[in-house]
Amino acid sequence: MSYDGASVSHRLPIDLTPAALERGLWVLVALSLVGDIVTTFVGLNMGLAESNPVARSVIDGHGVVGMLALKGGAVAVALACRPLLPEAYRPIIPAGLAIPWTIAVGINLYMIAMIV
């Protein structure tokens, strides 16, 4: 961190380009997507209920295939929107998927742990 009198700037310990950050976030999207689907269905098989009404409806109507389609649709929209942003801002696209899905995995694991 440095201070030049007018602004404070923070430097990461590594040189992280927007492209490298975006690649890392897409990896996190893939991991969190798989984690969310797996933990959701493990929880459902243990007697827990899906709290998201849209996901619950899709799962009730189409099972795992529906959940895969729902997640795939979200990724497709993200990929379609990606070229609309300047390169420096593109990491926000995978972050918008990875953050809530990673939180969902954590909640799912907590709920599963509560009944095991």
Protein backbone atom coordinates (compact mmCIF):
# COMPACT_ATOMS: atom_id res chain seq x y z
CA MET A 1 0.00 0.00 0.00
CA SER A 2 1.28 3.47 -0.79
CA TYR A 3 0.05 6.96 -0.14
CA ASP A 4 0.87 9.86 -2.43
CA GLY A 5 -1.19 12.48 -0.63
CA ALA A 6 -4.13 12.31 -3.03
CA SER A 7 -5.06 8.66 -3.16
CA VAL A 8 -4.34 5.31 -1.62
CA SER A 9 -3.38 2.47 -3.90
CA HIS A 10 -3.23 -1.20 -3.00
CA ARG A 11 -1.01 -3.69 -4.74
CA LEU A 12 -1.55 -7.43 -4.72
CA PRO A 13 1.48 -9.58 -3.90
CA ILE A 14 1.26 -11.04 -7.41
CA ASP A 15 0.76 -9.43 -10.80
CA LEU A 16 -2.84 -10.33 -11.61
CA THR A 17 -4.17 -9.27 -14.98
CA PRO A 18 -7.91 -9.05 -15.65
CA ALA A 19 -7.60 -12.01 -18.03
CA ALA A 20 -5.89 -14.17 -15.38
CA LEU A 21 -8.48 -13.16 -12.79
CA GLU A 22 -11.29 -14.01 -15.19
CA ARG A 23 -9.79 -17.45 -15.93
CA GLY A 24 -9.52 -18.18 -12.21
CA LEU A 25 -13.09 -17.08 -11.63
CA TRP A 26 -14.37 -19.33 -14.45
CA VAL A 27 -12.62 -22.25 -12.72
CA LEU A 28 -14.41 -21.25 -9.52
CA VAL A 29 -17.70 -21.09 -11.47
CA ALA A 30 -17.20 -24.68 -12.67
CA LEU A 31 -16.29 -25.95 -9.21
CA SER A 32 -19.12 -24.12 -7.47
CA LEU A 33 -21.64 -25.24 -10.11
CA VAL A 34 -20.73 -28.89 -9.57
CA GLY A 35 -20.58 -28.39 -5.81
CA ASP A 36 -24.00 -26.74 -5.72
CA ILE A 37 -25.63 -29.47 -7.78
CA VAL A 38 -24.02 -32.29 -5.80
CA THR A 39 -24.74 -30.81 -2.38
CA THR A 40 -28.29 -29.88 -3.39
CA PHE A 41 -29.14 -33.42 -4.41
CA VAL A 42 -27.36 -34.96 -1.43
CA GLY A 43 -29.39 -32.67 0.83
CA LEU A 44 -32.63 -33.46 -0.99
CA ASN A 45 -31.97 -37.19 -0.65
CA MET A 46 -31.41 -36.66 3.10
CA GLY A 47 -34.80 -34.97 3.47
CA LEU A 48 -33.86 -31.31 3.14
CA ALA A 49 -35.88 -28.99 0.90
CA GLU A 50 -34.75 -26.63 -1.85
CA SER A 51 -35.36 -23.05 -0.70
CA ASN A 52 -35.16 -21.38 -4.13
CA PRO A 53 -38.71 -21.59 -5.60
CA VAL A 54 -37.50 -21.54 -9.21
CA ALA A 55 -34.93 -24.28 -8.62
CA ARG A 56 -37.46 -26.27 -6.56
CA SER A 57 -39.96 -26.16 -9.43
CA VAL A 58 -37.33 -27.21 -11.98
CA ILE A 59 -36.07 -30.04 -9.76
CA ASP A 60 -39.60 -31.26 -9.04
CA GLY A 61 -40.44 -31.25 -12.74
CA HIS A 62 -37.20 -32.42 -14.32
CA GLY A 63 -34.76 -33.60 -11.64
CA VAL A 64 -31.03 -33.41 -12.22
CA VAL A 65 -31.47 -32.72 -15.94
CA GLY A 66 -33.59 -29.68 -15.12
CA MET A 67 -31.04 -28.42 -12.62
CA LEU A 68 -28.25 -28.85 -15.18
CA ALA A 69 -30.33 -26.95 -17.74
CA LEU A 70 -31.03 -24.16 -15.25
CA LYS A 71 -27.34 -23.78 -14.39
CA GLY A 72 -26.34 -24.14 -18.04
CA GLY A 73 -28.77 -21.36 -18.95
CA ALA A 74 -27.18 -19.06 -16.39
CA VAL A 75 -23.71 -19.81 -17.78
CA ALA A 76 -24.98 -19.25 -21.35
CA VAL A 77 -26.38 -15.82 -20.44
CA ALA A 78 -23.10 -14.95 -18.74
CA LEU A 79 -21.07 -16.00 -21.77
CA ALA A 80 -23.39 -14.04 -24.08
CA CYS A 81 -22.99 -10.89 -21.97
CA ARG A 82 -19.23 -11.23 -21.57
CA PRO A 83 -18.26 -9.60 -24.92
CA LEU A 84 -20.37 -6.56 -24.08
CA LEU A 85 -17.92 -5.45 -21.39
CA PRO A 86 -14.42 -4.02 -21.77
CA GLU A 87 -11.75 -6.59 -20.93
CA ALA A 88 -10.90 -4.96 -17.61
CA TYR A 89 -14.48 -5.48 -16.37
CA ARG A 90 -15.09 -9.00 -17.69
CA PRO A 91 -14.15 -10.75 -14.42
CA ILE A 92 -17.42 -9.43 -12.96
CA ILE A 93 -19.32 -11.90 -15.15
CA PRO A 94 -17.94 -15.12 -13.63
CA ALA A 95 -17.81 -13.49 -10.19
CA GLY A 96 -21.57 -12.92 -10.46
CA LEU A 97 -22.04 -16.68 -10.85
CA ALA A 98 -19.27 -17.97 -8.62
CA ILE A 99 -20.03 -15.93 -5.52
CA PRO A 100 -23.68 -16.96 -5.00
CA TRP A 101 -23.03 -20.57 -6.03
CA THR A 102 -20.08 -20.82 -3.65
CA ILE A 103 -22.23 -19.40 -0.85
CA ALA A 104 -24.95 -21.92 -1.74
CA VAL A 105 -22.41 -24.76 -1.44
CA GLY A 106 -21.43 -23.50 2.01
CA ILE A 107 -25.07 -23.29 3.12
CA ASN A 108 -25.80 -26.73 1.68
CA LEU A 109 -22.81 -28.26 3.48
CA TYR A 110 -23.85 -26.60 6.73
CA MET A 111 -27.41 -27.92 6.42
CA ILE A 112 -26.17 -31.42 5.56
CA ALA A 113 -23.80 -31.35 8.54
CA MET A 114 -26.68 -30.36 10.82
CA ILE A 115 -28.55 -33.60 10.10
CA VAL A 116 -25.63 -36.01 9.88
